[in-house]
PDB file of N, CA and C in Angstrom:
ATOM      1  N   MET A   1     105.750 148.718 117.673  1.00  0.00           N
ATOM      2  CA  MET A   1     104.576 148.253 116.975  1.00  0.00           C
ATOM      3  C   MET A   1     103.349 148.818 117.703  1.00  0.00           C
ATOM      4  N   THR A   2     102.433 149.405 116.942  1.00  0.00           N
ATOM      5  CA  THR A   2     101.216 149.941 117.549  1.00  0.00           C
ATOM      6  C   THR A   2     100.336 148.798 118.061  1.00  0.00           C
ATOM      7  N   ARG A   3      99.484 149.094 119.026  1.00  0.00           N
ATOM      8  CA  ARG A   3      98.676 148.053 119.673  1.00  0.00           C
ATOM      9  C   ARG A   3      97.728 147.375 118.692  1.00  0.00           C
ATOM     10  N   TYR A   4      97.075 148.138 117.827  1.00  0.00           N
ATOM     11  CA  TYR A   4      96.111 147.565 116.894  1.00  0.00           C
ATOM     12  C   TYR A   4      96.517 147.864 115.465  1.00  0.00           C
ATOM     13  N   GLN A   5      96.438 146.852 114.622  1.00  0.00           N
ATOM     14  CA  GLN A   5      96.787 146.990 113.205  1.00  0.00           C
ATOM     15  C   GLN A   5      95.558 146.645 112.376  1.00  0.00           C
ATOM     16  N   ALA A   6      95.271 147.479 111.410  1.00  0.00           N
ATOM     17  CA  ALA A   6      94.113 147.234 110.545  1.00  0.00           C
ATOM     18  C   ALA A   6      94.382 146.046 109.625  1.00  0.00           C
ATOM     19  N   ILE A   7      93.345 145.273 109.347  1.00  0.00           N
ATOM     20  CA  ILE A   7      93.423 144.210 108.349  1.00  0.00           C
ATOM     21  C   ILE A   7      93.651 144.877 106.998  1.00  0.00           C
ATOM     22  N   THR A   8      94.622 144.395 106.228  1.00  0.00           N
ATOM     23  CA  THR A   8      94.970 145.071 104.976  1.00  0.00           C
ATOM     24  C   THR A   8      93.995 144.802 103.842  1.00  0.00           C
ATOM     25  N   GLY A   9      93.218 143.734 103.931  1.00  0.00           N
ATOM     26  CA  GLY A   9      92.302 143.396 102.854  1.00  0.00           C
ATOM     27  C   GLY A   9      91.107 144.314 102.742  1.00  0.00           C
ATOM     28  N   HIS A  10      90.855 145.115 103.752  1.00  0.00           N
ATOM     29  CA  HIS A  10      89.702 146.013 103.763  1.00  0.00           C
ATOM     30  C   HIS A  10      90.218 147.445 103.661  1.00  0.00           C
ATOM     31  N   ASP A  11      90.166 148.001 102.468  1.00  0.00           N
ATOM     32  CA  ASP A  11      90.675 149.345 102.226  1.00  0.00           C
ATOM     33  C   ASP A  11      89.607 150.372 102.606  1.00  0.00           C
ATOM     34  N   CYS A  12      89.833 151.046 103.742  1.00  0.00           N
ATOM     35  CA  CYS A  12      88.850 151.989 104.251  1.00  0.00           C
ATOM     36  C   CYS A  12      89.574 153.074 105.051  1.00  0.00           C
ATOM     37  N   ASN A  13      89.030 154.287 105.035  1.00  0.00           N
ATOM     38  CA  ASN A  13      89.644 155.380 105.799  1.00  0.00           C
ATOM     39  C   ASN A  13      89.554 155.157 107.299  1.00  0.00           C
ATOM     40  N   ILE A  14      88.478 154.521 107.751  1.00  0.00           N
ATOM     41  CA  ILE A  14      88.293 154.232 109.170  1.00  0.00           C
ATOM     42  C   ILE A  14      88.239 152.707 109.308  1.00  0.00           C
ATOM     43  N   PRO A  15      89.347 152.072 109.661  1.00  0.00           N
ATOM     44  CA  PRO A  15      89.351 150.609 109.739  1.00  0.00           C
ATOM     45  C   PRO A  15      88.441 150.100 110.849  1.00  0.00           C
ATOM     46  N   SER A  16      87.721 149.025 110.543  1.00  0.00           N
ATOM     47  CA  SER A  16      86.837 148.434 111.544  1.00  0.00           C
ATOM     48  C   SER A  16      87.291 147.040 111.955  1.00  0.00           C
ATOM     49  N   LEU A  17      88.169 146.438 111.173  1.00  0.00           N
ATOM     50  CA  LEU A  17      88.706 145.122 111.503  1.00  0.00           C
ATOM     51  C   LEU A  17      90.170 145.296 111.886  1.00  0.00           C
ATOM     52  N   LEU A  18      90.469 144.968 113.137  1.00  0.00           N
ATOM     53  CA  LEU A  18      91.810 145.217 113.668  1.00  0.00           C
ATOM     54  C   LEU A  18      92.397 143.953 114.271  1.00  0.00           C
ATOM     55  N   ILE A  19      93.725 143.870 114.243  1.00  0.00           N
ATOM     56  CA  ILE A  19      94.451 142.791 114.897  1.00  0.00           C
ATOM     57  C   ILE A  19      95.110 143.381 116.129  1.00  0.00           C
ATOM     58  N   ASP A  20      94.942 142.726 117.269  1.00  0.00           N
ATOM     59  CA  ASP A  20      95.618 143.129 118.494  1.00  0.00           C
ATOM     60  C   ASP A  20      97.047 142.617 118.410  1.00  0.00           C
ATOM     61  N   THR A  21      97.989 143.504 118.180  1.00  0.00           N
ATOM     62  CA  THR A  21      99.382 143.098 117.996  1.00  0.00           C
ATOM     63  C   THR A  21     100.025 142.603 119.285  1.00  0.00           C
ATOM     64  N   GLN A  22      99.349 142.778 120.406  1.00  0.00           N
ATOM     65  CA  GLN A  22      99.868 142.289 121.675  1.00  0.00           C
ATOM     66  C   GLN A  22      99.203 140.983 122.115  1.00  0.00           C
ATOM     67  N   ALA A  23      98.353 140.435 121.250  1.00  0.00           N
ATOM     68  CA  ALA A  23      97.739 139.138 121.552  1.00  0.00           C
ATOM     69  C   ALA A  23      98.835 138.080 121.597  1.00  0.00           C
ATOM     70  N   PRO A  24      98.649 137.046 122.395  1.00  0.00           N
ATOM     71  CA  PRO A  24      99.648 135.974 122.451  1.00  0.00           C
ATOM     72  C   PRO A  24      99.870 135.351 121.064  1.00  0.00           C
ATOM     73  N   ILE A  25     101.097 134.946 120.816  1.00  0.00           N
ATOM     74  CA  ILE A  25     101.449 134.387 119.509  1.00  0.00           C
ATOM     75  C   ILE A  25     100.597 133.171 119.175  1.00  0.00           C
ATOM     76  N   ASP A  26     100.311 132.330 120.153  1.00  0.00           N
ATOM     77  CA  ASP A  26      99.503 131.142 119.859  1.00  0.00           C
ATOM     78  C   ASP A  26      98.087 131.523 119.432  1.00  0.00           C
ATOM     79  N   VAL A  27      97.560 132.603 119.957  1.00  0.00           N
ATOM     80  CA  VAL A  27      96.221 133.072 119.570  1.00  0.00           C
ATOM     81  C   VAL A  27      96.253 133.609 118.139  1.00  0.00           C
ATOM     82  N   LEU A  28      97.278 134.388 117.807  1.00  0.00           N
ATOM     83  CA  LEU A  28      97.429 134.912 116.447  1.00  0.00           C
ATOM     84  C   LEU A  28      97.592 133.761 115.450  1.00  0.00           C
ATOM     85  N   HIS A  29      98.440 132.803 115.815  1.00  0.00           N
ATOM     86  CA  HIS A  29      98.674 131.653 114.934  1.00  0.00           C
ATOM     87  C   HIS A  29      97.387 130.858 114.737  1.00  0.00           C
ATOM     88  N   ASP A  30      96.638 130.631 115.796  1.00  0.00           N
ATOM     89  CA  ASP A  30      95.394 129.876 115.702  1.00  0.00           C
ATOM     90  C   ASP A  30      94.386 130.580 114.796  1.00  0.00           C
ATOM     91  N   ALA A  31      94.280 131.894 114.932  1.00  0.00           N
ATOM     92  CA  ALA A  31      93.348 132.660 114.093  1.00  0.00           C
ATOM     93  C   ALA A  31      93.761 132.594 112.625  1.00  0.00           C
ATOM     94  N   ALA A  32      95.068 132.687 112.360  1.00  0.00           N
ATOM     95  CA  ALA A  32      95.567 132.594 110.987  1.00  0.00           C
ATOM     96  C   ALA A  32      95.335 131.202 110.426  1.00  0.00           C
ATOM     97  N   ALA A  33      95.665 130.186 111.204  1.00  0.00           N
ATOM     98  CA  ALA A  33      95.506 128.805 110.744  1.00  0.00           C
ATOM     99  C   ALA A  33      94.041 128.484 110.467  1.00  0.00           C
ATOM    100  N   TYR A  34      93.141 128.995 111.279  1.00  0.00           N
ATOM    101  CA  TYR A  34      91.703 128.770 111.077  1.00  0.00           C
ATOM    102  C   TYR A  34      91.261 129.289 109.715  1.00  0.00           C
ATOM    103  N   ARG A  35      91.705 130.488 109.361  1.00  0.00           N
ATOM    104  CA  ARG A  35      91.320 131.078 108.086  1.00  0.00           C
ATOM    105  C   ARG A  35      91.937 130.317 106.916  1.00  0.00           C
ATOM    106  N   ILE A  36      93.194 129.937 107.062  1.00  0.00           N
ATOM    107  CA  ILE A  36      93.872 129.210 105.985  1.00  0.00           C
ATOM    108  C   ILE A  36      93.247 127.827 105.806  1.00  0.00           C
ATOM    109  N   ARG A  37      92.909 127.152 106.906  1.00  0.00           N
ATOM    110  CA  ARG A  37      92.233 125.853 106.801  1.00  0.00           C
ATOM    111  C   ARG A  37      90.858 125.996 106.159  1.00  0.00           C
ATOM    112  N   ALA A  38      90.146 127.077 106.462  1.00  0.00           N
ATOM    113  CA  ALA A  38      88.825 127.299 105.858  1.00  0.00           C
ATOM    114  C   ALA A  38      88.934 127.429 104.344  1.00  0.00           C
ATOM    115  N   VAL A  39      89.931 128.169 103.883  1.00  0.00           N
ATOM    116  CA  VAL A  39      90.140 128.322 102.440  1.00  0.00           C
ATOM    117  C   VAL A  39      90.513 126.979 101.822  1.00  0.00           C
ATOM    118  N   THR A  40      91.386 126.257 102.487  1.00  0.00           N
ATOM    119  CA  THR A  40      91.807 124.950 101.982  1.00  0.00           C
ATOM    120  C   THR A  40      90.608 124.015 101.841  1.00  0.00           C
ATOM    121  N   GLN A  41      89.769 123.963 102.870  1.00  0.00           N
ATOM    122  CA  GLN A  41      88.590 123.093 102.835  1.00  0.00           C
ATOM    123  C   GLN A  41      87.628 123.509 101.728  1.00  0.00           C
ATOM    124  N   LEU A  42      87.407 124.805 101.591  1.00  0.00           N
ATOM    125  CA  LEU A  42      86.515 125.306 100.548  1.00  0.00           C
ATOM    126  C   LEU A  42      87.026 124.921  99.166  1.00  0.00           C
ATOM    127  N   LEU A  43      88.301 125.132  98.926  1.00  0.00           N
ATOM    128  CA  LEU A  43      88.877 124.806  97.614  1.00  0.00           C
ATOM    129  C   LEU A  43      88.868 123.305  97.358  1.00  0.00           C
ATOM    130  N   GLU A  44      89.170 122.507  98.381  1.00  0.00           N
ATOM    131  CA  GLU A  44      89.133 121.051  98.207  1.00  0.00           C
ATOM    132  C   GLU A  44      87.722 120.573  97.891  1.00  0.00           C
ATOM    133  N   ASN A  45      86.735 121.088  98.601  1.00  0.00           N
ATOM    134  CA  ASN A  45      85.347 120.701  98.339  1.00  0.00           C
ATOM    135  C   ASN A  45      84.903 121.123  96.947  1.00  0.00           C
ATOM    136  N   PHE A  46      85.298 122.302  96.542  1.00  0.00           N
ATOM    137  CA  PHE A  46      84.924 122.795  95.221  1.00  0.00           C
ATOM    138  C   PHE A  46      85.596 121.968  94.128  1.00  0.00           C
ATOM    139  N   ALA A  47      86.837 121.551  94.377  1.00  0.00           N
ATOM    140  CA  ALA A  47      87.588 120.786  93.382  1.00  0.00           C
ATOM    141  C   ALA A  47      87.019 119.392  93.162  1.00  0.00           C
ATOM    142  N   ILE A  48      86.485 118.765  94.204  1.00  0.00           N
ATOM    143  CA  ILE A  48      85.990 117.392  94.048  1.00  0.00           C
ATOM    144  C   ILE A  48      84.518 117.323  93.661  1.00  0.00           C
ATOM    145  N   CYS A  49      83.839 118.432  93.679  1.00  0.00           N
ATOM    146  CA  CYS A  49      82.412 118.445  93.362  1.00  0.00           C
ATOM    147  C   CYS A  49      82.230 118.548  91.849  1.00  0.00           C
ATOM    148  N   ASP A  50      81.735 117.466  91.229  1.00  0.00           N
ATOM    149  CA  ASP A  50      81.588 117.431  89.773  1.00  0.00           C
ATOM    150  C   ASP A  50      80.381 118.210  89.264  1.00  0.00           C
ATOM    151  N   ASP A  51      79.335 118.325  90.081  1.00  0.00           N
ATOM    152  CA  ASP A  51      78.116 118.963  89.598  1.00  0.00           C
ATOM    153  C   ASP A  51      77.981 120.428  90.026  1.00  0.00           C
ATOM    154  N   ALA A  52      79.029 121.005  90.600  1.00  0.00           N
ATOM    155  CA  ALA A  52      78.968 122.406  91.015  1.00  0.00           C
ATOM    156  C   ALA A  52      79.050 123.319  89.792  1.00  0.00           C
ATOM    157  N   PRO A  53      78.266 124.385  89.794  1.00  0.00           N
ATOM    158  CA  PRO A  53      78.366 125.336  88.682  1.00  0.00           C
ATOM    159  C   PRO A  53      79.730 126.021  88.713  1.00  0.00           C
ATOM    160  N   LYS A  54      80.350 126.110  87.564  1.00  0.00           N
ATOM    161  CA  LYS A  54      81.690 126.691  87.507  1.00  0.00           C
ATOM    162  C   LYS A  54      81.709 127.893  86.561  1.00  0.00           C
ATOM    163  N   GLY A  55      80.635 128.648  86.584  1.00  0.00           N
ATOM    164  CA  GLY A  55      80.564 129.825  85.740  1.00  0.00           C
ATOM    165  C   GLY A  55      81.505 130.920  86.226  1.00  0.00           C
ATOM    166  N   ALA A  56      81.695 131.922  85.408  1.00  0.00           N
ATOM    167  CA  ALA A  56      82.620 133.013  85.721  1.00  0.00           C
ATOM    168  C   ALA A  56      82.233 133.729  87.010  1.00  0.00           C
ATOM    169  N   VAL A  57      80.952 133.944  87.237  1.00  0.00           N
ATOM    170  CA  VAL A  57      80.502 134.659  88.436  1.00  0.00           C
ATOM    171  C   VAL A  57      80.805 133.841  89.682  1.00  0.00           C
ATOM    172  N   VAL A  58      80.527 132.540  89.643  1.00  0.00           N
ATOM    173  CA  VAL A  58      80.795 131.672  90.790  1.00  0.00           C
ATOM    174  C   VAL A  58      82.287 131.655  91.088  1.00  0.00           C
ATOM    175  N   LEU A  59      83.112 131.512  90.074  1.00  0.00           N
ATOM    176  CA  LEU A  59      84.560 131.494  90.278  1.00  0.00           C
ATOM    177  C   LEU A  59      85.071 132.832  90.803  1.00  0.00           C
ATOM    178  N   GLN A  60      84.492 133.916  90.341  1.00  0.00           N
ATOM    179  CA  GLN A  60      84.887 135.236  90.827  1.00  0.00           C
ATOM    180  C   GLN A  60      84.535 135.386  92.303  1.00  0.00           C
ATOM    181  N   GLU A  61      83.340 134.963  92.694  1.00  0.00           N
ATOM    182  CA  GLU A  61      82.940 135.054  94.096  1.00  0.00           C
ATOM    183  C   GLU A  61      83.785 134.124  94.973  1.00  0.00           C
ATOM    184  N   LEU A  62      84.083 132.937  94.495  1.00  0.00           N
ATOM    185  CA  LEU A  62      84.935 132.003  95.217  1.00  0.00           C
ATOM    186  C   LEU A  62      86.327 132.598  95.407  1.00  0.00           C
ATOM    187  N   SER A  63      86.850 133.206  94.373  1.00  0.00           N
ATOM    188  CA  SER A  63      88.178 133.837  94.455  1.00  0.00           C
ATOM    189  C   SER A  63      88.187 134.962  95.479  1.00  0.00           C
ATOM    190  N   LEU A  64      87.126 135.744  95.529  1.00  0.00           N
ATOM    191  CA  LEU A  64      87.042 136.840  96.485  1.00  0.00           C
ATOM    192  C   LEU A  64      87.029 136.315  97.920  1.00  0.00           C
ATOM    193  N   VAL A  65      86.202 135.310  98.176  1.00  0.00           N
ATOM    194  CA  VAL A  65      86.138 134.723  99.523  1.00  0.00           C
ATOM    195  C   VAL A  65      87.509 134.184  99.930  1.00  0.00           C
ATOM    196  N   CYS A  66      88.146 133.461  99.041  1.00  0.00           N
ATOM    197  CA  CYS A  66      89.459 132.894  99.347  1.00  0.00           C
ATOM    198  C   CYS A  66      90.498 133.984  99.585  1.00  0.00           C
ATOM    199  N   SER A  67      90.485 135.020  98.784  1.00  0.00           N
ATOM    200  CA  SER A  67      91.487 136.076  98.946  1.00  0.00           C
ATOM    201  C   SER A  67      91.295 136.835 100.262  1.00  0.00           C
ATOM    202  N   ILE A  68      90.055 137.042 100.687  1.00  0.00           N
ATOM    203  CA  ILE A  68      89.803 137.722 101.966  1.00  0.00           C
ATOM    204  C   ILE A  68      90.344 136.897 103.118  1.00  0.00           C
ATOM    205  N   LEU A  69      90.008 135.616 103.131  1.00  0.00           N
ATOM    206  CA  LEU A  69      90.472 134.754 104.222  1.00  0.00           C
ATOM    207  C   LEU A  69      91.990 134.599 104.220  1.00  0.00           C
ATOM    208  N   LEU A  70      92.575 134.442 103.041  1.00  0.00           N
ATOM    209  CA  LEU A  70      94.034 134.303 102.971  1.00  0.00           C
ATOM    210  C   LEU A  70      94.747 135.589 103.374  1.00  0.00           C
ATOM    211  N   ARG A  71      94.220 136.736 102.975  1.00  0.00           N
ATOM    212  CA  ARG A  71      94.827 138.013 103.362  1.00  0.00           C
ATOM    213  C   ARG A  71      94.774 138.186 104.877  1.00  0.00           C
ATOM    214  N   ASP A  72      93.635 137.878 105.492  1.00  0.00           N
ATOM    215  CA  ASP A  72      93.521 137.952 106.950  1.00  0.00           C
ATOM    216  C   ASP A  72      94.541 137.030 107.611  1.00  0.00           C
ATOM    217  N   GLY A  73      94.643 135.807 107.104  1.00  0.00           N
ATOM    218  CA  GLY A  73      95.610 134.859 107.651  1.00  0.00           C
ATOM    219  C   GLY A  73      97.034 135.354 107.524  1.00  0.00           C
ATOM    220  N   CYS A  74      97.370 135.941 106.391  1.00  0.00           N
ATOM    221  CA  CYS A  74      98.718 136.488 106.186  1.00  0.00           C
ATOM    222  C   CYS A  74      98.981 137.658 107.128  1.00  0.00           C
ATOM    223  N   ASP A  75      98.005 138.525 107.310  1.00  0.00           N
ATOM    224  CA  ASP A  75      98.156 139.649 108.241  1.00  0.00           C
ATOM    225  C   ASP A  75      98.422 139.148 109.655  1.00  0.00           C
ATOM    226  N   LEU A  76      97.667 138.138 110.075  1.00  0.00           N
ATOM    227  CA  LEU A  76      97.858 137.571 111.410  1.00  0.00           C
ATOM    228  C   LEU A  76      99.236 136.935 111.546  1.00  0.00           C
ATOM    229  N   MET A  77      99.673 136.214 110.525  1.00  0.00           N
ATOM    230  CA  MET A  77     101.001 135.593 110.565  1.00  0.00           C
ATOM    231  C   MET A  77     102.105 136.654 110.575  1.00  0.00           C
ATOM    232  N   ASP A  78     101.908 137.766 109.876  1.00  0.00           N
ATOM    233  CA  ASP A  78     102.885 138.863 109.894  1.00  0.00           C
ATOM    234  C   ASP A  78     103.050 139.424 111.304  1.00  0.00           C
ATOM    235  N   VAL A  79     101.933 139.639 111.992  1.00  0.00           N
ATOM    236  CA  VAL A  79     101.988 140.161 113.360  1.00  0.00           C
ATOM    237  C   VAL A  79     102.693 139.157 114.270  1.00  0.00           C
ATOM    238  N   ALA A  80     102.360 137.882 114.139  1.00  0.00           N
ATOM    239  CA  ALA A  80     103.012 136.852 114.957  1.00  0.00           C
ATOM    240  C   ALA A  80     104.517 136.813 114.673  1.00  0.00           C
ATOM    241  N   GLY A  81     104.889 136.932 113.418  1.00  0.00           N
ATOM    242  CA  GLY A  81     106.306 136.946 113.051  1.00  0.00           C
ATOM    243  C   GLY A  81     107.040 138.143 113.632  1.00  0.00           C
ATOM    244  N   ARG A  82     106.413 139.304 113.598  1.00  0.00           N
ATOM    245  CA  ARG A  82     107.045 140.504 114.189  1.00  0.00           C
ATOM    246  C   ARG A  82     107.206 140.340 115.691  1.00  0.00           C
ATOM    247  N   GLN A  83     106.208 139.735 116.335  1.00  0.00           N
ATOM    248  CA  GLN A  83     106.325 139.483 117.779  1.00  0.00           C
ATOM    249  C   GLN A  83     107.525 138.570 118.066  1.00  0.00           C
ATOM    250  N   GLN A  84     107.680 137.545 117.265  1.00  0.00           N
ATOM    251  CA  GLN A  84     108.804 136.627 117.435  1.00  0.00           C
ATOM    252  C   GLN A  84     110.127 137.351 117.251  1.00  0.00           C
ATOM    253  N   GLN A  85     110.213 138.195 116.247  1.00  0.00           N
ATOM    254  CA  GLN A  85     111.439 138.953 115.995  1.00  0.00           C
ATOM    255  C   GLN A  85     111.759 139.879 117.151  1.00  0.00           C
ATOM    256  N   GLU A  86     110.725 140.530 117.694  1.00  0.00           N
ATOM    257  CA  GLU A  86     110.944 141.420 118.831  1.00  0.00           C
ATOM    258  C   GLU A  86     111.462 140.649 120.036  1.00  0.00           C
ATOM    259  N   LYS A  87     110.942 139.450 120.281  1.00  0.00           N
ATOM    260  CA  LYS A  87     111.394 138.642 121.402  1.00  0.00           C
ATOM    261  C   LYS A  87     112.835 138.196 121.214  1.00  0.00           C
ATOM    262  N   LEU A  88     113.208 137.894 119.988  1.00  0.00           N
ATOM    263  CA  LEU A  88     114.577 137.472 119.700  1.00  0.00           C
ATOM    264  C   LEU A  88     115.574 138.628 119.816  1.00  0.00           C
ATOM    265  N   SER A  89     115.096 139.853 119.586  1.00  0.00           N
ATOM    266  CA  SER A  89     115.955 141.031 119.629  1.00  0.00           C
ATOM    267  C   SER A  89     116.254 141.475 121.057  1.00  0.00           C
ATOM    268  N   ILE A  90     115.455 141.046 122.004  1.00  0.00           N
ATOM    269  CA  ILE A  90     115.617 141.499 123.395  1.00  0.00           C
ATOM    270  C   ILE A  90     116.763 140.805 124.067  1.00  0.00           C
TER     271      ILE A  90
END
């Protein structure tokens, strides 16, 4: 596994957001959980708010924010999972 892996949600020829694949598993897990909790909180707040505008543009922007955070969280969890597999293989 290479030392740094680009975040997959940002499609660019020169990646600027990278995951350190050698970071401790607890650090990777914490970073992933933080992003997933942020999305969960945002969606829960949006769901219970009766007076929030729910137009197409707002929903599109909300979907984009959620997908970015969830993709980052999934990328981090993938790296943590590969680290676990490598440790089990040794």
